[in-house]
N, C-alpha and C. Protein backbone atom coordinates (compact mmCIF):
# COMPACT_ATOMS: atom_id res chain seq x y z
N MET A 1 57.39 99.07 354.09
CA MET A 1 56.77 100.34 354.46
C MET A 1 56.69 100.42 355.99
N ALA A 2 57.13 101.55 356.49
CA ALA A 2 57.17 101.72 357.94
C ALA A 2 55.75 101.84 358.51
N SER A 3 55.60 101.32 359.69
CA SER A 3 54.30 101.38 360.35
C SER A 3 53.99 102.81 360.78
N VAL A 4 52.74 103.07 361.05
CA VAL A 4 52.30 104.38 361.53
C VAL A 4 53.01 104.70 362.84
N TYR A 5 53.18 103.71 363.70
CA TYR A 5 53.85 103.92 364.98
C TYR A 5 55.28 104.42 364.76
N VAL A 6 55.99 103.80 363.83
CA VAL A 6 57.38 104.20 363.55
C VAL A 6 57.41 105.63 363.03
N ARG A 7 56.51 105.95 362.13
CA ARG A 7 56.49 107.31 361.54
C ARG A 7 56.16 108.37 362.60
N VAL A 8 55.18 108.08 363.45
CA VAL A 8 54.81 109.03 364.50
C VAL A 8 55.98 109.19 365.47
N THR A 9 56.64 108.09 365.79
CA THR A 9 57.80 108.15 366.68
C THR A 9 58.92 108.98 366.05
N GLN A 10 59.16 108.78 364.77
CA GLN A 10 60.19 109.57 364.08
C GLN A 10 59.85 111.06 364.07
N LEU A 11 58.59 111.37 363.80
CA LEU A 11 58.18 112.78 363.79
C LEU A 11 58.34 113.39 365.17
N PHE A 12 57.85 112.71 366.19
CA PHE A 12 57.96 113.20 367.56
C PHE A 12 59.42 113.38 367.95
N THR A 13 60.25 112.40 367.65
CA THR A 13 61.67 112.46 367.99
C THR A 13 62.36 113.60 367.26
N SER A 14 62.06 113.78 365.99
CA SER A 14 62.69 114.84 365.19
C SER A 14 62.36 116.22 365.75
N ILE A 15 61.10 116.44 366.06
CA ILE A 15 60.70 117.73 366.62
C ILE A 15 61.28 117.91 368.01
N THR A 16 61.29 116.85 368.81
CA THR A 16 61.84 116.92 370.17
C THR A 16 63.32 117.27 370.15
N ILE A 17 64.08 116.67 369.24
CA ILE A 17 65.52 116.98 369.14
C ILE A 17 65.72 118.46 368.89
N CYS A 18 64.94 119.02 367.98
CA CYS A 18 65.08 120.44 367.67
C CYS A 18 64.64 121.32 368.83
N LEU A 19 63.57 120.93 369.50
CA LEU A 19 63.12 121.72 370.65
C LEU A 19 64.08 121.60 371.83
N LEU A 20 64.77 120.47 371.95
CA LEU A 20 65.81 120.35 372.98
C LEU A 20 66.97 121.29 372.69
N ALA A 21 67.32 121.44 371.42
CA ALA A 21 68.35 122.41 371.05
C ALA A 21 67.90 123.81 371.45
N ALA A 22 66.63 124.11 371.22
CA ALA A 22 66.08 125.41 371.62
C ALA A 22 66.17 125.59 373.13
N LEU A 23 65.83 124.55 373.86
CA LEU A 23 65.88 124.61 375.32
C LEU A 23 67.31 124.86 375.81
N ILE A 24 68.26 124.16 375.24
CA ILE A 24 69.67 124.36 375.63
C ILE A 24 70.10 125.79 375.33
N GLY A 25 69.76 126.27 374.14
CA GLY A 25 70.09 127.66 373.80
C GLY A 25 69.45 128.66 374.74
N SER A 26 68.23 128.37 375.17
CA SER A 26 67.52 129.30 376.05
C SER A 26 68.16 129.38 377.44
N ILE A 27 68.89 128.36 377.82
CA ILE A 27 69.60 128.39 379.11
C ILE A 27 70.60 129.54 379.13
N PHE A 28 71.22 129.81 377.98
CA PHE A 28 72.17 130.91 377.88
C PHE A 28 71.47 132.23 377.58
N THR A 29 70.37 132.16 376.83
CA THR A 29 69.70 133.36 376.34
C THR A 29 68.85 134.04 377.39
N THR A 30 67.99 133.29 378.04
CA THR A 30 66.97 133.86 378.93
C THR A 30 67.54 134.78 380.01
N PRO A 31 68.59 134.38 380.74
CA PRO A 31 69.08 135.28 381.80
C PRO A 31 69.69 136.57 381.26
N ALA A 32 70.19 136.55 380.03
CA ALA A 32 70.88 137.72 379.48
C ALA A 32 69.93 138.75 378.88
N ILE A 33 68.71 138.36 378.55
CA ILE A 33 67.80 139.29 377.86
C ILE A 33 67.43 140.51 378.71
N PRO A 34 66.98 140.32 379.95
CA PRO A 34 66.58 141.52 380.72
C PRO A 34 67.77 142.34 381.24
N THR A 35 68.95 141.81 381.17
CA THR A 35 70.11 142.50 381.73
C THR A 35 71.04 142.97 380.61
N TRP A 36 71.96 142.13 380.22
CA TRP A 36 72.98 142.49 379.23
C TRP A 36 72.36 142.91 377.90
N TYR A 37 71.48 142.09 377.34
CA TYR A 37 70.91 142.37 376.02
C TYR A 37 70.06 143.64 376.04
N ALA A 38 69.30 143.86 377.10
CA ALA A 38 68.45 145.05 377.20
C ALA A 38 69.27 146.34 377.18
N ALA A 39 70.49 146.28 377.69
CA ALA A 39 71.32 147.47 377.80
C ALA A 39 72.10 147.78 376.51
N LEU A 40 72.09 146.88 375.56
CA LEU A 40 72.87 147.08 374.34
C LEU A 40 72.22 148.09 373.40
N ALA A 41 73.06 148.81 372.67
CA ALA A 41 72.57 149.60 371.54
C ALA A 41 72.31 148.60 370.41
N LYS A 42 71.16 148.75 369.74
CA LYS A 42 70.75 147.77 368.73
C LYS A 42 70.55 148.44 367.37
N PRO A 43 70.70 147.65 366.31
CA PRO A 43 70.49 148.20 364.96
C PRO A 43 69.05 148.67 364.76
N GLU A 44 68.87 149.49 363.77
CA GLU A 44 67.58 150.12 363.51
C GLU A 44 66.43 149.13 363.33
N LEU A 45 66.65 148.01 362.69
CA LEU A 45 65.57 147.06 362.40
C LEU A 45 65.36 146.01 363.48
N ASN A 46 65.94 146.22 364.64
CA ASN A 46 65.82 145.24 365.72
C ASN A 46 64.38 145.16 366.21
N PRO A 47 63.76 143.94 366.15
CA PRO A 47 62.38 143.82 366.64
C PRO A 47 62.36 143.78 368.17
N PRO A 48 61.18 143.93 368.76
CA PRO A 48 61.07 143.81 370.22
C PRO A 48 61.51 142.41 370.67
N ALA A 49 62.02 142.33 371.87
CA ALA A 49 62.56 141.06 372.39
C ALA A 49 61.52 139.93 372.38
N TRP A 50 60.25 140.24 372.59
CA TRP A 50 59.22 139.20 372.67
C TRP A 50 59.01 138.49 371.33
N VAL A 51 59.44 139.07 370.22
CA VAL A 51 59.25 138.45 368.90
C VAL A 51 60.11 137.20 368.73
N PHE A 52 61.28 137.19 369.33
CA PHE A 52 62.24 136.12 369.08
C PHE A 52 61.75 134.75 369.53
N GLY A 53 61.14 134.66 370.70
CA GLY A 53 60.67 133.37 371.21
C GLY A 53 59.68 132.67 370.28
N PRO A 54 58.59 133.34 369.90
CA PRO A 54 57.64 132.68 368.99
C PRO A 54 58.24 132.34 367.62
N VAL A 55 59.06 133.25 367.09
CA VAL A 55 59.66 132.98 365.77
C VAL A 55 60.56 131.76 365.85
N TRP A 56 61.43 131.72 366.86
CA TRP A 56 62.33 130.58 366.98
C TRP A 56 61.57 129.27 367.24
N THR A 57 60.50 129.34 368.00
CA THR A 57 59.72 128.13 368.26
C THR A 57 59.16 127.57 366.96
N VAL A 58 58.59 128.42 366.14
CA VAL A 58 58.08 127.97 364.83
C VAL A 58 59.21 127.41 363.98
N LEU A 59 60.35 128.09 363.97
CA LEU A 59 61.48 127.62 363.15
C LEU A 59 61.99 126.26 363.62
N TYR A 60 62.08 126.05 364.93
CA TYR A 60 62.53 124.76 365.44
C TYR A 60 61.54 123.64 365.08
N ILE A 61 60.26 123.95 365.12
CA ILE A 61 59.26 122.94 364.72
C ILE A 61 59.38 122.63 363.23
N LEU A 62 59.56 123.66 362.40
CA LEU A 62 59.76 123.43 360.97
C LEU A 62 61.02 122.61 360.72
N MET A 63 62.07 122.90 361.48
CA MET A 63 63.31 122.12 361.35
C MET A 63 63.05 120.65 361.70
N GLY A 64 62.28 120.43 362.76
CA GLY A 64 61.96 119.06 363.16
C GLY A 64 61.16 118.33 362.11
N ILE A 65 60.19 119.00 361.51
CA ILE A 65 59.40 118.38 360.44
C ILE A 65 60.29 118.07 359.25
N ALA A 66 61.18 118.99 358.91
CA ALA A 66 62.11 118.76 357.80
C ALA A 66 63.01 117.55 358.09
N LEU A 67 63.52 117.49 359.31
CA LEU A 67 64.35 116.35 359.70
C LEU A 67 63.57 115.05 359.56
N TYR A 68 62.34 115.05 360.01
CA TYR A 68 61.49 113.86 359.88
C TYR A 68 61.31 113.46 358.42
N LEU A 69 61.05 114.42 357.55
CA LEU A 69 60.85 114.10 356.13
C LEU A 69 62.07 113.42 355.52
N VAL A 70 63.24 113.82 355.97
CA VAL A 70 64.47 113.19 355.48
C VAL A 70 64.64 111.81 356.12
N TRP A 71 64.52 111.74 357.43
CA TRP A 71 64.71 110.49 358.17
C TRP A 71 63.73 109.42 357.69
N SER A 72 62.50 109.83 357.39
CA SER A 72 61.47 108.87 356.99
C SER A 72 61.76 108.22 355.63
N ARG A 73 62.71 108.77 354.90
CA ARG A 73 63.08 108.17 353.61
C ARG A 73 63.94 106.92 353.78
N GLY A 74 64.41 106.70 355.00
CA GLY A 74 65.14 105.47 355.28
C GLY A 74 66.59 105.68 355.65
N TRP A 75 66.92 105.30 356.86
CA TRP A 75 68.28 105.43 357.39
C TRP A 75 69.29 104.66 356.54
N GLY A 76 68.82 103.63 355.83
CA GLY A 76 69.72 102.82 355.01
C GLY A 76 70.29 103.54 353.81
N GLN A 77 69.72 104.66 353.44
CA GLN A 77 70.21 105.41 352.28
C GLN A 77 71.34 106.35 352.69
N LYS A 78 72.42 106.31 351.94
CA LYS A 78 73.58 107.13 352.27
C LYS A 78 73.25 108.61 352.26
N ASN A 79 72.45 109.07 351.28
CA ASN A 79 72.15 110.50 351.22
C ASN A 79 71.31 110.95 352.42
N VAL A 80 70.53 110.05 353.00
CA VAL A 80 69.77 110.36 354.21
C VAL A 80 70.73 110.52 355.39
N ARG A 81 71.65 109.59 355.53
CA ARG A 81 72.62 109.67 356.64
C ARG A 81 73.48 110.93 356.52
N VAL A 82 73.93 111.24 355.33
CA VAL A 82 74.75 112.44 355.12
C VAL A 82 73.95 113.70 355.47
N ALA A 83 72.72 113.76 354.96
CA ALA A 83 71.88 114.93 355.23
C ALA A 83 71.63 115.09 356.72
N MET A 84 71.37 114.00 357.41
CA MET A 84 71.11 114.08 358.85
C MET A 84 72.37 114.46 359.63
N ALA A 85 73.53 114.02 359.16
CA ALA A 85 74.79 114.40 359.82
C ALA A 85 75.04 115.90 359.67
N ILE A 86 74.82 116.42 358.47
CA ILE A 86 75.00 117.86 358.25
C ILE A 86 73.99 118.64 359.10
N PHE A 87 72.76 118.14 359.16
CA PHE A 87 71.74 118.76 360.00
C PHE A 87 72.22 118.82 361.45
N GLY A 88 72.78 117.72 361.94
CA GLY A 88 73.28 117.68 363.31
C GLY A 88 74.36 118.71 363.56
N ILE A 89 75.24 118.89 362.60
CA ILE A 89 76.31 119.88 362.74
C ILE A 89 75.73 121.29 362.84
N GLN A 90 74.76 121.59 361.95
CA GLN A 90 74.19 122.94 362.00
C GLN A 90 73.40 123.15 363.29
N LEU A 91 72.79 122.09 363.83
CA LEU A 91 72.04 122.23 365.07
C LEU A 91 72.98 122.52 366.24
N VAL A 92 74.14 121.89 366.25
CA VAL A 92 75.15 122.18 367.28
C VAL A 92 75.63 123.62 367.13
N LEU A 93 75.86 124.06 365.89
CA LEU A 93 76.28 125.44 365.66
C LEU A 93 75.20 126.43 366.11
N ASN A 94 73.95 126.06 365.95
CA ASN A 94 72.83 126.88 366.38
C ASN A 94 72.90 127.12 367.89
N VAL A 95 73.10 126.06 368.64
CA VAL A 95 73.20 126.18 370.10
C VAL A 95 74.46 126.95 370.49
N LEU A 96 75.55 126.69 369.79
CA LEU A 96 76.82 127.37 370.09
C LEU A 96 76.68 128.88 369.94
N TRP A 97 75.90 129.31 368.95
CA TRP A 97 75.71 130.76 368.78
C TRP A 97 75.09 131.37 370.04
N SER A 98 74.07 130.73 370.58
CA SER A 98 73.43 131.24 371.79
C SER A 98 74.43 131.34 372.94
N TYR A 99 75.29 130.34 373.04
CA TYR A 99 76.31 130.34 374.09
C TYR A 99 77.28 131.50 373.89
N LEU A 100 77.76 131.68 372.66
CA LEU A 100 78.73 132.74 372.39
C LEU A 100 78.12 134.13 372.57
N PHE A 101 76.93 134.33 371.98
CA PHE A 101 76.33 135.66 372.00
C PHE A 101 75.80 136.02 373.39
N PHE A 102 74.94 135.17 373.93
CA PHE A 102 74.29 135.49 375.21
C PHE A 102 75.08 134.99 376.41
N GLY A 103 75.59 133.77 376.33
CA GLY A 103 76.31 133.19 377.47
C GLY A 103 77.62 133.89 377.74
N LEU A 104 78.46 134.00 376.71
CA LEU A 104 79.76 134.67 376.87
C LEU A 104 79.68 136.17 376.61
N GLN A 105 78.54 136.62 376.07
CA GLN A 105 78.33 138.02 375.73
C GLN A 105 79.47 138.52 374.83
N ALA A 106 79.70 137.73 373.76
CA ALA A 106 80.79 137.99 372.83
C ALA A 106 80.25 138.14 371.41
N PRO A 107 79.67 139.30 371.08
CA PRO A 107 79.08 139.48 369.75
C PRO A 107 80.05 139.26 368.59
N TYR A 108 81.31 139.61 368.76
CA TYR A 108 82.27 139.41 367.67
C TYR A 108 82.42 137.93 367.34
N PHE A 109 82.68 137.12 368.35
CA PHE A 109 82.85 135.68 368.12
C PHE A 109 81.54 135.04 367.68
N ALA A 110 80.43 135.54 368.21
CA ALA A 110 79.12 135.04 367.79
C ALA A 110 78.89 135.35 366.31
N PHE A 111 79.33 136.53 365.86
CA PHE A 111 79.16 136.87 364.45
C PHE A 111 79.99 135.93 363.56
N LEU A 112 81.22 135.69 363.95
CA LEU A 112 82.04 134.75 363.16
C LEU A 112 81.36 133.39 363.11
N GLU A 113 80.81 132.97 364.23
CA GLU A 113 80.16 131.66 364.30
C GLU A 113 78.86 131.63 363.50
N ILE A 114 78.10 132.72 363.48
CA ILE A 114 76.83 132.72 362.75
C ILE A 114 77.07 132.64 361.24
N VAL A 115 78.22 133.11 360.79
CA VAL A 115 78.57 132.95 359.38
C VAL A 115 78.75 131.45 359.08
N LEU A 116 79.41 130.74 359.97
CA LEU A 116 79.56 129.29 359.82
C LEU A 116 78.20 128.59 359.89
N LEU A 117 77.36 129.04 360.81
CA LEU A 117 76.01 128.49 360.92
C LEU A 117 75.23 128.69 359.63
N TRP A 118 75.33 129.87 359.06
CA TRP A 118 74.61 130.17 357.81
C TRP A 118 75.07 129.22 356.70
N ILE A 119 76.38 129.01 356.60
CA ILE A 119 76.92 128.09 355.60
C ILE A 119 76.41 126.67 355.86
N ALA A 120 76.41 126.27 357.13
CA ALA A 120 75.93 124.93 357.49
C ALA A 120 74.45 124.75 357.16
N ILE A 121 73.65 125.79 357.37
CA ILE A 121 72.22 125.72 357.02
C ILE A 121 72.08 125.57 355.51
N LEU A 122 72.85 126.34 354.76
CA LEU A 122 72.80 126.24 353.30
C LEU A 122 73.20 124.83 352.85
N MET A 123 74.22 124.27 353.47
CA MET A 123 74.64 122.90 353.15
C MET A 123 73.54 121.89 353.53
N THR A 124 72.86 122.14 354.64
CA THR A 124 71.76 121.27 355.06
C THR A 124 70.63 121.32 354.05
N ILE A 125 70.29 122.52 353.61
CA ILE A 125 69.23 122.66 352.61
C ILE A 125 69.59 121.90 351.34
N ALA A 126 70.83 122.02 350.90
CA ALA A 126 71.28 121.31 349.69
C ALA A 126 71.19 119.80 349.89
N ALA A 127 71.65 119.33 351.05
CA ALA A 127 71.62 117.89 351.33
C ALA A 127 70.18 117.39 351.46
N PHE A 128 69.33 118.17 352.12
CA PHE A 128 67.92 117.78 352.25
C PHE A 128 67.24 117.77 350.88
N TYR A 129 67.58 118.70 350.02
CA TYR A 129 66.99 118.79 348.69
C TYR A 129 67.18 117.49 347.91
N ARG A 130 68.34 116.86 348.10
CA ARG A 130 68.64 115.60 347.41
C ARG A 130 67.75 114.46 347.90
N VAL A 131 67.19 114.61 349.09
CA VAL A 131 66.36 113.57 349.69
C VAL A 131 64.88 113.94 349.60
N SER A 132 64.55 115.19 349.94
CA SER A 132 63.15 115.64 349.97
C SER A 132 63.11 117.14 349.70
N VAL A 133 62.52 117.51 348.60
CA VAL A 133 62.39 118.93 348.25
C VAL A 133 61.58 119.66 349.33
N SER A 134 60.54 119.02 349.83
CA SER A 134 59.72 119.64 350.88
C SER A 134 60.55 119.94 352.12
N ALA A 135 61.42 119.02 352.49
CA ALA A 135 62.26 119.23 353.67
C ALA A 135 63.19 120.42 353.45
N ALA A 136 63.74 120.54 352.27
CA ALA A 136 64.62 121.67 351.97
C ALA A 136 63.86 122.99 352.04
N VAL A 137 62.67 123.01 351.49
CA VAL A 137 61.85 124.23 351.49
C VAL A 137 61.50 124.65 352.92
N LEU A 138 61.24 123.68 353.79
CA LEU A 138 60.90 124.00 355.18
C LEU A 138 62.05 124.69 355.92
N LEU A 139 63.28 124.55 355.43
CA LEU A 139 64.43 125.19 356.09
C LEU A 139 64.71 126.59 355.56
N VAL A 140 64.04 127.00 354.49
CA VAL A 140 64.29 128.33 353.93
C VAL A 140 63.95 129.45 354.92
N PRO A 141 62.83 129.39 355.63
CA PRO A 141 62.58 130.46 356.63
C PRO A 141 63.67 130.54 357.70
N TYR A 142 64.21 129.41 358.07
CA TYR A 142 65.31 129.35 359.04
C TYR A 142 66.54 130.08 358.48
N LEU A 143 66.88 129.81 357.24
CA LEU A 143 68.02 130.48 356.61
C LEU A 143 67.78 131.99 356.55
N LEU A 144 66.58 132.38 356.20
CA LEU A 144 66.27 133.82 356.11
C LEU A 144 66.35 134.48 357.49
N TRP A 145 65.84 133.81 358.51
CA TRP A 145 65.87 134.37 359.86
C TRP A 145 67.31 134.46 360.38
N VAL A 146 68.12 133.44 360.11
CA VAL A 146 69.52 133.49 360.54
C VAL A 146 70.27 134.58 359.77
N SER A 147 69.88 134.83 358.54
CA SER A 147 70.47 135.95 357.79
C SER A 147 70.15 137.27 358.50
N PHE A 148 68.90 137.43 358.92
CA PHE A 148 68.49 138.62 359.67
C PHE A 148 69.21 138.67 361.02
N ALA A 149 69.33 137.53 361.68
CA ALA A 149 70.04 137.47 362.96
C ALA A 149 71.51 137.86 362.79
N ALA A 150 72.11 137.48 361.67
CA ALA A 150 73.50 137.86 361.41
C ALA A 150 73.62 139.38 361.28
N TYR A 151 72.65 139.99 360.59
CA TYR A 151 72.62 141.46 360.48
C TYR A 151 72.53 142.08 361.88
N LEU A 152 71.61 141.56 362.71
CA LEU A 152 71.45 142.09 364.06
C LEU A 152 72.72 141.89 364.89
N ASN A 153 73.30 140.70 364.79
CA ASN A 153 74.52 140.37 365.53
C ASN A 153 75.65 141.33 365.14
N TYR A 154 75.81 141.53 363.84
CA TYR A 154 76.87 142.43 363.36
C TYR A 154 76.60 143.86 363.85
N GLY A 155 75.35 144.29 363.74
CA GLY A 155 75.00 145.63 364.19
C GLY A 155 75.28 145.83 365.66
N ILE A 156 74.96 144.85 366.47
CA ILE A 156 75.22 144.94 367.91
C ILE A 156 76.72 145.00 368.17
N TYR A 157 77.49 144.20 367.42
CA TYR A 157 78.95 144.24 367.56
C TYR A 157 79.48 145.64 367.25
N VAL A 158 79.02 146.22 366.15
CA VAL A 158 79.52 147.53 365.72
C VAL A 158 79.08 148.64 366.69
N LEU A 159 77.83 148.56 367.16
CA LEU A 159 77.28 149.62 368.01
C LEU A 159 77.74 149.54 369.47
N ASN A 160 78.33 148.42 369.84
CA ASN A 160 78.74 148.22 371.24
C ASN A 160 80.19 147.76 371.30
N PRO A 161 81.13 148.71 371.00
CA PRO A 161 82.55 148.30 370.96
C PRO A 161 83.08 147.87 372.32
């Protein structure tokens, strides 16, 4: 049985990894919001820009907790390693979307990529489910939000040829 120190370290590390992904994504996102993004025509259900930061922060923390729940089951288990590898892939895709959409200001390519991200999140949920049902459930809000983000991304692409 792992010590309390190991578990706390795993939890802290898991959340930190996810928040670092958020930080990297924000490097591309933040400068584009008041300029390029503000000038875009947006779909009807587009929320105010201030909503995205708090929502994403909560989602990244939930992702970190989910990652911890899987990791805490033991790195020696193959299904844990597989689940964490898939998680890593989707996290890279998450950051890549920010780069494509905000950094390159390429909604078309960002939309193609967000479809891959959505599939990767679904695969992560399935892999996490095999290890920890709770971890899989914690990723459902993320999948739902990325589904909404895909709608927004597509709408922005269509409205801004």
